C-alpha atoms as a PDB file:
ATOM      1  CA  MET A   1      68.675 129.320 101.805  1.00  0.00           C
ATOM      2  CA  LYS A   2      68.920 125.989  99.920  1.00  0.00           C
ATOM      3  CA  ARG A   3      72.306 126.977  98.550  1.00  0.00           C
ATOM      4  CA  LYS A   4      73.611 127.822 102.046  1.00  0.00           C
ATOM      5  CA  LEU A   5      72.318 124.498 103.374  1.00  0.00           C
ATOM      6  CA  LEU A   6      74.010 122.639 100.526  1.00  0.00           C
ATOM      7  CA  HIS A   7      77.284 124.433 101.297  1.00  0.00           C
ATOM      8  CA  VAL A   8      77.086 123.481 104.992  1.00  0.00           C
ATOM      9  CA  ASN A   9      76.266 119.866 104.123  1.00  0.00           C
ATOM     10  CA  LEU A  10      79.230 119.703 101.731  1.00  0.00           C
ATOM     11  CA  LEU A  11      81.564 121.010 104.421  1.00  0.00           C
ATOM     12  CA  ILE A  12      80.299 118.410 106.867  1.00  0.00           C
ATOM     13  CA  LEU A  13      80.764 115.639 104.288  1.00  0.00           C
ATOM     14  CA  LEU A  14      84.282 116.799 103.437  1.00  0.00           C
ATOM     15  CA  ALA A  15      85.243 116.979 107.097  1.00  0.00           C
ATOM     16  CA  ALA A  16      83.895 113.478 107.675  1.00  0.00           C
ATOM     17  CA  CYS A  17      85.881 112.130 104.702  1.00  0.00           C
ATOM     18  CA  SER A  18      89.278 113.482 105.683  1.00  0.00           C
ATOM     19  CA  PRO A  19      91.528 110.770 107.088  1.00  0.00           C
ATOM     20  CA  PRO A  20      92.627 111.007 110.709  1.00  0.00           C
ATOM     21  CA  ASP A  21      96.062 112.452 111.499  1.00  0.00           C
ATOM     22  CA  TYR A  22      97.129 109.362 113.406  1.00  0.00           C
ATOM     23  CA  ARG A  23      96.378 105.722 114.122  1.00  0.00           C
ATOM     24  CA  ASP A  24      97.953 103.802 116.954  1.00  0.00           C
ATOM     25  CA  LEU A  25      98.684 100.104 117.317  1.00  0.00           C
ATOM     26  CA  GLY A  26      95.546  99.690 119.437  1.00  0.00           C
ATOM     27  CA  GLY A  27      93.350 100.813 116.537  1.00  0.00           C
ATOM     28  CA  ASN A  28      92.627 104.226 118.027  1.00  0.00           C
ATOM     29  CA  GLN A  29      92.727 107.153 115.636  1.00  0.00           C
ATOM     30  CA  GLY A  30      92.349 110.887 115.828  1.00  0.00           C
ATOM     31  CA  ASP A  31      93.506 114.343 114.891  1.00  0.00           C
ATOM     32  CA  PHE A  32      96.272 116.192 116.682  1.00  0.00           C
ATOM     33  CA  ALA A  33      94.113 119.345 116.688  1.00  0.00           C
ATOM     34  CA  ASP A  34      91.677 117.527 118.975  1.00  0.00           C
ATOM     35  CA  LEU A  35      94.434 117.246 121.586  1.00  0.00           C
ATOM     36  CA  GLN A  36      94.683 121.000 122.096  1.00  0.00           C
ATOM     37  CA  GLY A  37      94.485 121.806 125.771  1.00  0.00           C
ATOM     38  CA  LYS A  38      96.913 118.997 126.615  1.00  0.00           C
ATOM     39  CA  TRP A  39     100.664 118.682 126.391  1.00  0.00           C
ATOM     40  CA  VAL A  40     101.675 116.158 123.726  1.00  0.00           C
ATOM     41  CA  LEU A  41     104.915 114.199 123.944  1.00  0.00           C
ATOM     42  CA  ILE A  42     106.112 112.281 120.889  1.00  0.00           C
ATOM     43  CA  ASN A  43     108.887 109.882 121.825  1.00  0.00           C
ATOM     44  CA  TYR A  44     111.109 108.104 119.302  1.00  0.00           C
ATOM     45  CA  TRP A  45     112.407 104.717 120.394  1.00  0.00           C
ATOM     46  CA  ALA A  46     114.028 101.586 118.975  1.00  0.00           C
ATOM     47  CA  VAL A  47     114.279  98.096 120.384  1.00  0.00           C
ATOM     48  CA  TRP A  48     118.105  98.162 120.105  1.00  0.00           C
ATOM     49  CA  CYS A  49     118.402 101.455 122.042  1.00  0.00           C
ATOM     50  CA  LYS A  50     119.441 100.821 125.656  1.00  0.00           C
ATOM     51  CA  PRO A  51     118.641 104.377 126.868  1.00  0.00           C
ATOM     52  CA  CYS A  52     115.183 103.974 125.280  1.00  0.00           C
ATOM     53  CA  ARG A  53     114.634 100.836 127.356  1.00  0.00           C
ATOM     54  CA  GLU A  54     115.586 102.784 130.499  1.00  0.00           C
ATOM     55  CA  GLU A  55     113.229 105.616 129.601  1.00  0.00           C
ATOM     56  CA  ILE A  56     110.083 103.601 128.772  1.00  0.00           C
ATOM     57  CA  PRO A  57     108.995 102.970 132.414  1.00  0.00           C
ATOM     58  CA  GLU A  58     109.329 106.709 133.093  1.00  0.00           C
ATOM     59  CA  LEU A  59     107.173 107.581 130.068  1.00  0.00           C
ATOM     60  CA  ASN A  60     104.650 104.940 131.132  1.00  0.00           C
ATOM     61  CA  ALA A  61     104.470 106.777 134.472  1.00  0.00           C
ATOM     62  CA  VAL A  62     104.031 110.128 132.706  1.00  0.00           C
ATOM     63  CA  ALA A  63     101.215 108.708 130.557  1.00  0.00           C
ATOM     64  CA  SER A  64      99.363 107.210 133.510  1.00  0.00           C
ATOM     65  CA  GLN A  65     100.003 109.783 136.246  1.00  0.00           C
ATOM     66  CA  LEU A  66      99.565 112.900 134.098  1.00  0.00           C
ATOM     67  CA  ALA A  67      96.802 111.589 131.803  1.00  0.00           C
ATOM     68  CA  ASP A  68      94.566 114.597 132.545  1.00  0.00           C
ATOM     69  CA  SER A  69      97.078 117.034 131.064  1.00  0.00           C
ATOM     70  CA  VAL A  70      99.547 115.018 128.944  1.00  0.00           C
ATOM     71  CA  VAL A  71      99.276 112.617 126.002  1.00  0.00           C
ATOM     72  CA  VAL A  72     102.289 110.428 125.221  1.00  0.00           C
ATOM     73  CA  PHE A  73     102.822 108.847 121.815  1.00  0.00           C
ATOM     74  CA  GLY A  74     105.631 106.528 120.813  1.00  0.00           C
ATOM     75  CA  VAL A  75     107.138 106.305 117.336  1.00  0.00           C
ATOM     76  CA  ASN A  76     109.293 103.375 116.280  1.00  0.00           C
ATOM     77  CA  PHE A  77     112.450 104.922 114.845  1.00  0.00           C
ATOM     78  CA  ASP A  78     113.118 101.987 112.523  1.00  0.00           C
ATOM     79  CA  ALA A  79     109.712 102.157 110.794  1.00  0.00           C
ATOM     80  CA  VAL A  80     109.240  98.386 110.934  1.00  0.00           C
ATOM     81  CA  SER A  81     106.021  96.628 109.919  1.00  0.00           C
ATOM     82  CA  ILE A  82     103.009  97.096 112.165  1.00  0.00           C
ATOM     83  CA  ASP A  83     103.253  93.488 113.371  1.00  0.00           C
ATOM     84  CA  GLN A  84     106.942  93.915 114.249  1.00  0.00           C
ATOM     85  CA  MET A  85     106.195  97.248 115.882  1.00  0.00           C
ATOM     86  CA  GLY A  86     103.578  95.642 118.118  1.00  0.00           C
ATOM     87  CA  THR A  87     105.938  92.841 119.098  1.00  0.00           C
ATOM     88  CA  GLN A  88     108.747  95.292 119.823  1.00  0.00           C
ATOM     89  CA  ALA A  89     106.506  97.669 121.784  1.00  0.00           C
ATOM     90  CA  LYS A  90     105.327  94.759 123.928  1.00  0.00           C
ATOM     91  CA  ALA A  91     108.920  93.580 124.473  1.00  0.00           C
ATOM     92  CA  MET A  92     109.878  97.127 125.502  1.00  0.00           C
ATOM     93  CA  GLY A  93     106.981  97.287 127.968  1.00  0.00           C
ATOM     94  CA  ILE A  94     105.414 100.319 126.303  1.00  0.00           C
ATOM     95  CA  GLU A  95     102.007 101.086 127.814  1.00  0.00           C
ATOM     96  CA  PHE A  96     101.319 104.390 126.028  1.00  0.00           C
ATOM     97  CA  ALA A  97     100.015 104.678 122.458  1.00  0.00           C
ATOM     98  CA  VAL A  98     102.461 103.784 119.680  1.00  0.00           C
ATOM     99  CA  LEU A  99     101.718 105.471 116.376  1.00  0.00           C
ATOM    100  CA  GLN A 100     101.585 103.366 113.226  1.00  0.00           C
ATOM    101  CA  ASP A 101     103.124 106.171 111.152  1.00  0.00           C
ATOM    102  CA  ASP A 102     105.720 108.830 111.880  1.00  0.00           C
ATOM    103  CA  PRO A 103     103.982 112.225 112.291  1.00  0.00           C
ATOM    104  CA  ALA A 104     107.142 114.321 111.686  1.00  0.00           C
ATOM    105  CA  SER A 105     106.197 115.660 108.254  1.00  0.00           C
ATOM    106  CA  LEU A 106     102.577 116.235 109.275  1.00  0.00           C
ATOM    107  CA  LEU A 107     103.602 118.201 112.373  1.00  0.00           C
ATOM    108  CA  GLY A 108     106.493 120.009 110.690  1.00  0.00           C
ATOM    109  CA  TYR A 109     109.602 118.817 112.488  1.00  0.00           C
ATOM    110  CA  ALA A 110     112.677 116.839 111.421  1.00  0.00           C
ATOM    111  CA  ARG A 111     113.033 113.193 112.375  1.00  0.00           C
ATOM    112  CA  PRO A 112     115.536 112.788 115.191  1.00  0.00           C
ATOM    113  CA  GLU A 113     119.101 111.676 114.621  1.00  0.00           C
ATOM    114  CA  VAL A 114     119.679 110.607 118.230  1.00  0.00           C
ATOM    115  CA  LEU A 115     117.670 108.219 120.395  1.00  0.00           C
ATOM    116  CA  PRO A 116     115.769 108.589 122.509  1.00  0.00           C
ATOM    117  CA  THR A 117     114.312 111.905 121.448  1.00  0.00           C
ATOM    118  CA  THR A 118     111.049 113.338 122.740  1.00  0.00           C
ATOM    119  CA  TYR A 119     109.276 116.243 121.054  1.00  0.00           C
ATOM    120  CA  VAL A 120     107.152 118.396 123.361  1.00  0.00           C
ATOM    121  CA  PHE A 121     104.085 120.244 122.101  1.00  0.00           C
ATOM    122  CA  ASP A 122     102.374 122.769 124.370  1.00  0.00           C
ATOM    123  CA  PRO A 123      98.598 122.789 124.955  1.00  0.00           C
ATOM    124  CA  GLN A 124      98.160 125.128 121.956  1.00  0.00           C
ATOM    125  CA  GLY A 125      99.819 122.536 119.693  1.00  0.00           C
ATOM    126  CA  LYS A 126     103.119 124.407 119.259  1.00  0.00           C
ATOM    127  CA  LEU A 127     106.401 122.484 119.290  1.00  0.00           C
ATOM    128  CA  VAL A 128     108.300 123.974 122.225  1.00  0.00           C
ATOM    129  CA  ARG A 129     111.163 121.554 122.923  1.00  0.00           C
ATOM    130  CA  SER A 130     113.020 118.524 121.701  1.00  0.00           C
ATOM    131  CA  LEU A 131     114.523 116.497 124.512  1.00  0.00           C
ATOM    132  CA  LEU A 132     117.539 114.332 123.773  1.00  0.00           C
ATOM    133  CA  GLY A 133     118.356 111.330 125.906  1.00  0.00           C
ATOM    134  CA  PRO A 134     116.260 109.475 128.447  1.00  0.00           C
ATOM    135  CA  GLN A 135     113.700 111.484 130.388  1.00  0.00           C
ATOM    136  CA  THR A 136     112.189 110.803 133.800  1.00  0.00           C
ATOM    137  CA  LEU A 137     108.799 111.484 135.302  1.00  0.00           C
ATOM    138  CA  LYS A 138     110.481 114.146 137.443  1.00  0.00           C
ATOM    139  CA  SER A 139     112.185 115.856 134.465  1.00  0.00           C
ATOM    140  CA  ILE A 140     108.921 115.906 132.486  1.00  0.00           C
ATOM    141  CA  ILE A 141     106.963 117.335 135.433  1.00  0.00           C
ATOM    142  CA  SER A 142     109.638 120.031 135.874  1.00  0.00           C
ATOM    143  CA  LEU A 143     109.520 120.890 132.165  1.00  0.00           C
ATOM    144  CA  LEU A 144     105.734 121.167 132.185  1.00  0.00           C
ATOM    145  CA  GLU A 145     105.694 123.307 135.304  1.00  0.00           C
ATOM    146  CA  ASP A 146     108.286 125.653 133.774  1.00  0.00           C
ATOM    147  CA  GLY A 147     106.266 125.840 130.568  1.00  0.00           C
ATOM    148  CA  ARG A 148     103.074 126.966 132.258  1.00  0.00           C
END
């Protein structure tokens, strides 16, 4: 019984010591596995990308209006410093979470070559689409309804 208890305690300690999958500019952190049950959109943007600038208000609307079923994350394509990223995100008007680090290798997809690009993960955590070009609230709602 003591040995089993020790094993359980070790597992708990190891789980508590593992670093989170992501951290955003707001200081929030977490694991992508904890987002199961929600759609996850990971949008790549850059301050120099005009279509990205057009898309940001639409993604802000997705993040706020569909918050019960969708999580939106932004990733700065240029991988600038965290301070620069915060300044650029503010200048772009981004209201959804911007990740400090690119999750591409962690989640098993290739970094985009075209901006903007949005990766769509279903509620089971499976990558189901990559969307090229600016999206709208309407196009995202349509995609999610088709995917259900």
